[in-house]
Amino acid sequence: MSNLPKNTLVQPYLFFGGRCEEALEFYRTALGAKVDFLMRYKESPEPAPPGSLPAGFENKVMHATFRIGSATLMASDGCEEGAKFEGFSLSLAVPTEAEADRAFAALSAGGKVGMPLGKTFWSPRFGMVTDRFGIGWMVSVATENPKS
């Protein structure tokens, strides 16, 4: 078994099923996300195979990259309407309690709080929320890891 090079990246790729542009705007407002690249299906140098996209998807997002802090995420509307995000959460670690409070409140707007933001044994602020798009978030104040 070989090891991957140290510069190998694993990045989330989120499929919003027709709501990608709305999600990008929400994350821009809620978390200060910055869109680095966005291409619509109609802008692709190679058209999608006939019947592979729902009617009206030519104006939807084929691919986008965006940054939240130093993390880069990718997103698309995918090839069908509706999105289902299960089995994972995105972890958002911020440097201060005030920033955790603000981010948690912003992500909670139109979403569902799973665990209210509060003190835990590993962080002065930690909480879990599912945002209005169905993405699970774990918001915390970053703390130094104890030396091993």
Protein backbone atom coordinates (compact mmCIF):
# COMPACT_ATOMS: atom_id res chain seq x y z
CA MET A 1 0.00 0.00 0.00
CA SER A 2 1.42 3.38 -0.97
CA ASN A 3 1.13 6.64 0.88
CA LEU A 4 -0.32 9.65 -0.89
CA PRO A 5 1.86 12.74 -1.31
CA LYS A 6 1.61 15.30 1.50
CA ASN A 7 0.09 17.88 -0.86
CA THR A 8 -2.95 15.63 -1.53
CA LEU A 9 -6.23 17.41 -0.73
CA VAL A 10 -9.62 16.13 0.40
CA GLN A 11 -12.28 18.78 -0.12
CA PRO A 12 -16.03 18.75 0.35
CA TYR A 13 -18.08 18.85 -2.89
CA LEU A 14 -21.67 19.80 -2.14
CA PHE A 15 -24.60 19.19 -4.53
CA PHE A 16 -27.51 21.57 -3.89
CA GLY A 17 -30.05 20.14 -6.35
CA GLY A 18 -31.07 23.45 -7.92
CA ARG A 19 -30.30 25.79 -4.98
CA CYS A 20 -26.53 26.24 -5.34
CA GLU A 21 -26.57 29.94 -6.19
CA GLU A 22 -28.92 30.61 -3.25
CA ALA A 23 -26.62 28.58 -0.96
CA LEU A 24 -23.51 30.46 -2.09
CA GLU A 25 -25.21 33.78 -1.34
CA PHE A 26 -26.33 32.47 2.08
CA TYR A 27 -22.77 31.39 2.98
CA ARG A 28 -21.41 34.73 1.70
CA THR A 29 -23.75 36.59 4.05
CA ALA A 30 -23.58 34.15 6.99
CA LEU A 31 -19.88 33.25 6.95
CA GLY A 32 -18.14 35.68 4.60
CA ALA A 33 -17.66 33.02 1.90
CA LYS A 34 -15.92 34.18 -1.26
CA VAL A 35 -16.73 32.57 -4.62
CA ASP A 36 -13.53 32.00 -6.61
CA PHE A 37 -15.09 30.36 -9.67
CA LEU A 38 -18.59 29.72 -10.98
CA MET A 39 -19.65 28.12 -14.27
CA ARG A 40 -23.21 27.48 -15.38
CA TYR A 41 -24.23 24.49 -17.48
CA LYS A 42 -24.90 26.77 -20.46
CA GLU A 43 -21.30 28.07 -20.25
CA SER A 44 -19.69 24.63 -20.45
CA PRO A 45 -17.40 24.06 -23.44
CA GLU A 46 -19.03 20.63 -23.76
CA PRO A 47 -22.83 20.48 -23.51
CA ALA A 48 -24.44 18.02 -21.11
CA PRO A 49 -25.69 14.83 -22.79
CA PRO A 50 -29.34 15.13 -23.89
CA GLY A 51 -31.76 14.23 -21.10
CA SER A 52 -29.11 14.36 -18.34
CA LEU A 53 -30.41 17.61 -16.80
CA PRO A 54 -33.90 18.69 -15.74
CA ALA A 55 -35.58 21.37 -17.87
CA GLY A 56 -34.33 24.83 -16.88
CA PHE A 57 -31.02 23.62 -15.44
CA GLU A 58 -29.00 25.30 -18.23
CA ASN A 59 -28.83 28.41 -15.99
CA LYS A 60 -27.93 26.40 -12.88
CA VAL A 61 -24.42 26.06 -11.42
CA MET A 62 -22.39 23.28 -13.03
CA HIS A 63 -19.34 23.93 -10.82
CA ALA A 64 -18.24 26.49 -8.24
CA THR A 65 -15.35 26.82 -5.85
CA PHE A 66 -15.66 29.00 -2.78
CA ARG A 67 -13.67 29.76 0.34
CA ILE A 68 -14.72 30.03 3.95
CA GLY A 69 -11.71 31.23 5.89
CA SER A 70 -8.75 29.22 4.60
CA ALA A 71 -10.87 26.22 3.50
CA THR A 72 -11.89 25.70 -0.13
CA LEU A 73 -15.16 23.93 -0.88
CA MET A 74 -16.73 23.00 -4.18
CA ALA A 75 -20.40 23.05 -5.10
CA SER A 76 -22.86 22.41 -7.89
CA ASP A 77 -26.55 22.11 -8.54
CA GLY A 78 -25.84 18.54 -9.64
CA CYS A 79 -27.99 16.83 -12.25
CA GLU A 80 -31.29 16.60 -10.41
CA GLU A 81 -33.57 18.67 -8.23
CA GLY A 82 -33.44 18.26 -4.49
CA ALA A 83 -30.49 17.63 -2.21
CA LYS A 84 -29.94 15.15 0.59
CA PHE A 85 -27.00 15.66 2.93
CA GLU A 86 -26.58 12.75 5.33
CA GLY A 87 -23.78 11.06 7.21
CA PHE A 88 -21.48 14.06 7.64
CA SER A 89 -21.22 17.57 9.06
CA LEU A 90 -18.91 20.44 8.25
CA SER A 91 -16.84 21.61 11.22
CA LEU A 92 -16.38 25.37 11.54
CA ALA A 93 -13.69 26.35 14.05
CA VAL A 94 -13.41 30.07 14.79
CA PRO A 95 -10.95 31.87 17.09
CA THR A 96 -13.36 33.62 19.49
CA GLU A 97 -16.61 33.01 21.35
CA ALA A 98 -18.14 36.12 19.76
CA GLU A 99 -17.38 34.75 16.28
CA ALA A 100 -18.87 31.37 17.24
CA ASP A 101 -22.03 33.10 18.50
CA ARG A 102 -22.36 35.12 15.27
CA ALA A 103 -21.69 32.19 12.91
CA PHE A 104 -24.02 29.85 14.81
CA ALA A 105 -26.84 32.41 14.78
CA ALA A 106 -26.34 33.05 11.04
CA LEU A 107 -26.31 29.33 10.16
CA SER A 108 -29.37 28.74 12.36
CA ALA A 109 -31.52 31.25 10.42
CA GLY A 110 -34.08 29.07 8.67
CA GLY A 111 -32.33 25.94 9.91
CA LYS A 112 -32.64 23.60 12.88
CA VAL A 113 -30.50 23.62 16.02
CA GLY A 114 -29.43 20.10 17.02
CA MET A 115 -27.33 21.13 20.03
CA PRO A 116 -27.44 24.70 21.33
CA LEU A 117 -24.16 26.56 21.44
CA GLY A 118 -22.60 26.16 24.89
CA LYS A 119 -19.53 25.25 26.91
CA THR A 120 -18.13 21.72 26.62
CA PHE A 121 -15.09 20.04 28.09
CA TRP A 122 -13.24 20.52 24.77
CA SER A 123 -14.32 24.05 23.84
CA PRO A 124 -15.72 27.17 25.49
CA ARG A 125 -18.37 27.19 22.71
CA PHE A 126 -19.66 24.25 20.71
CA GLY A 127 -22.98 23.64 19.00
CA MET A 128 -24.56 21.74 16.12
CA VAL A 129 -27.01 23.10 13.57
CA THR A 130 -28.48 21.99 10.26
CA ASP A 131 -28.75 25.00 7.96
CA ARG A 132 -31.67 25.78 5.63
CA PHE A 133 -30.07 23.70 2.86
CA GLY A 134 -29.71 20.57 4.99
CA ILE A 135 -25.96 20.89 5.64
CA GLY A 136 -24.95 19.91 9.17
CA TRP A 137 -22.49 22.22 10.90
CA MET A 138 -20.50 21.80 14.11
CA VAL A 139 -19.46 25.27 15.27
CA SER A 140 -16.74 25.63 17.87
CA VAL A 141 -14.08 27.89 19.25
CA ALA A 142 -10.74 26.49 18.20
CA THR A 143 -8.57 25.52 21.13
CA GLU A 144 -5.00 24.33 21.14
CA ASN A 145 -4.57 20.59 21.08
CA PRO A 146 -2.63 19.23 24.05
CA LYS A 147 0.87 18.12 23.14
CA SER A 148 1.15 14.36 22.68
